Each structure stands twice: as structure tokens, then as C-alpha cells.
Amino acid sequence: MSLLCRHGQVLFLVNMTTPGECQHYAFSLIEELFKHLPSSYTIGILYNIVCTLDRSCTK
């Protein structure tokens, strides 16, 4: 799984060790991104199961 900039350049990669779409991979990529950006930035995230990810974030 990877995190890309809007230009399609790879920023971070995660080696998926289990099959399927596990949410912890997405969370680890997002957490790593936030470590490298100022807190004043507004970030938009597109993810194919974002409704599930959003529900997990609010919990």
C-alpha cells in the first residue's frame, strides 16, 4: 500500500503482510504523513473504503 502526492509520486510505502484491506495500514500511512507536515495544513484523503475508515477514526 502506498501514499502518493497529487502528482502521483510515492511518499510512503507499507509492506502488506496479510491479505485483504486492513485498516491499520491506512492509519500507519496517515500517521507518518502527519509527522512530516505542519499542523496548520489541511489534508484531503481519498481511500476506496473511506466510509469504514472514517467510522473507525470517530470511534
C-alpha atoms as a PDB file:
ATOM      1  CA  MET A   1       0.000   0.000   0.000  1.00  0.00           C
ATOM      2  CA  SER A   2       1.353   3.432  -0.768  1.00  0.00           C
ATOM      3  CA  LEU A   3       0.714   7.083  -0.093  1.00  0.00           C
ATOM      4  CA  LEU A   4       1.077   9.334  -3.146  1.00  0.00           C
ATOM      5  CA  CYS A   5       1.156  13.068  -3.642  1.00  0.00           C
ATOM      6  CA  ARG A   6      -1.296  14.656  -6.062  1.00  0.00           C
ATOM      7  CA  HIS A   7       1.328  14.331  -8.805  1.00  0.00           C
ATOM      8  CA  GLY A   8       1.484  10.549  -8.410  1.00  0.00           C
ATOM      9  CA  GLN A   9       4.872  10.453  -6.672  1.00  0.00           C
ATOM     10  CA  VAL A  10       5.263   7.837  -3.939  1.00  0.00           C
ATOM     11  CA  LEU A  11       5.717   9.410  -0.492  1.00  0.00           C
ATOM     12  CA  PHE A  12       5.468   6.360   1.783  1.00  0.00           C
ATOM     13  CA  LEU A  13       5.099   2.608   1.298  1.00  0.00           C
ATOM     14  CA  VAL A  14       3.786  -0.095   3.613  1.00  0.00           C
ATOM     15  CA  ASN A  15       4.599  -3.763   3.116  1.00  0.00           C
ATOM     16  CA  MET A  16       1.293  -5.592   3.478  1.00  0.00           C
ATOM     17  CA  THR A  17       1.954  -8.821   5.341  1.00  0.00           C
ATOM     18  CA  THR A  18      -1.660 -10.039   5.446  1.00  0.00           C
ATOM     19  CA  PRO A  19      -4.161 -10.371   2.603  1.00  0.00           C
ATOM     20  CA  GLY A  20      -7.092  -8.022   2.273  1.00  0.00           C
ATOM     21  CA  GLU A  21      -7.557  -4.398   3.168  1.00  0.00           C
ATOM     22  CA  CYS A  22      -6.646  -3.963   6.815  1.00  0.00           C
ATOM     23  CA  GLN A  23      -7.275  -0.504   8.210  1.00  0.00           C
ATOM     24  CA  HIS A  24      -4.070  -0.379  10.237  1.00  0.00           C
ATOM     25  CA  TYR A  25      -2.071   0.008   7.024  1.00  0.00           C
ATOM     26  CA  ALA A  26      -4.002   3.143   6.106  1.00  0.00           C
ATOM     27  CA  PHE A  27      -3.713   4.507   9.655  1.00  0.00           C
ATOM     28  CA  SER A  28       0.056   3.974   9.722  1.00  0.00           C
ATOM     29  CA  LEU A  29       0.493   5.799   6.398  1.00  0.00           C
ATOM     30  CA  ILE A  30      -1.663   8.724   7.529  1.00  0.00           C
ATOM     31  CA  GLU A  31       0.162   8.924  10.861  1.00  0.00           C
ATOM     32  CA  GLU A  32       3.534   9.004   9.089  1.00  0.00           C
ATOM     33  CA  LEU A  33       2.306  11.751   6.749  1.00  0.00           C
ATOM     34  CA  PHE A  34       1.175  13.922   9.671  1.00  0.00           C
ATOM     35  CA  LYS A  35       4.615  13.605  11.282  1.00  0.00           C
ATOM     36  CA  HIS A  36       6.138  15.382   8.267  1.00  0.00           C
ATOM     37  CA  LEU A  37       3.611  18.191   7.753  1.00  0.00           C
ATOM     38  CA  PRO A  38       2.867  21.352   9.740  1.00  0.00           C
ATOM     39  CA  SER A  39      -0.275  21.117  11.866  1.00  0.00           C
ATOM     40  CA  SER A  40      -1.740  24.132  10.037  1.00  0.00           C
ATOM     41  CA  TYR A  41      -2.072  22.178   6.743  1.00  0.00           C
ATOM     42  CA  THR A  42      -5.447  20.941   5.565  1.00  0.00           C
ATOM     43  CA  ILE A  43      -5.178  17.373   4.275  1.00  0.00           C
ATOM     44  CA  GLY A  44      -7.588  15.550   1.947  1.00  0.00           C
ATOM     45  CA  ILE A  45      -7.567  11.761   1.857  1.00  0.00           C
ATOM     46  CA  LEU A  46      -9.059   9.514  -0.827  1.00  0.00           C
ATOM     47  CA  TYR A  47      -9.392   5.865   0.091  1.00  0.00           C
ATOM     48  CA  ASN A  48     -11.613   3.256  -1.541  1.00  0.00           C
ATOM     49  CA  ILE A  49     -13.224   2.216   1.757  1.00  0.00           C
ATOM     50  CA  VAL A  50     -13.113   5.645   3.386  1.00  0.00           C
ATOM     51  CA  CYS A  51     -16.578   5.231   4.934  1.00  0.00           C
ATOM     52  CA  THR A  52     -15.215   2.359   7.042  1.00  0.00           C
ATOM     53  CA  LEU A  53     -12.013   4.268   7.800  1.00  0.00           C
ATOM     54  CA  ASP A  54     -13.957   7.375   8.817  1.00  0.00           C
ATOM     55  CA  ARG A  55     -16.131   5.347  11.191  1.00  0.00           C
ATOM     56  CA  SER A  56     -13.009   3.854  12.812  1.00  0.00           C
ATOM     57  CA  CYS A  57     -11.456   7.311  13.231  1.00  0.00           C
ATOM     58  CA  THR A  58     -14.510   8.644  15.028  1.00  0.00           C
ATOM     59  CA  LYS A  59     -14.564   5.658  17.396  1.00  0.00           C
END
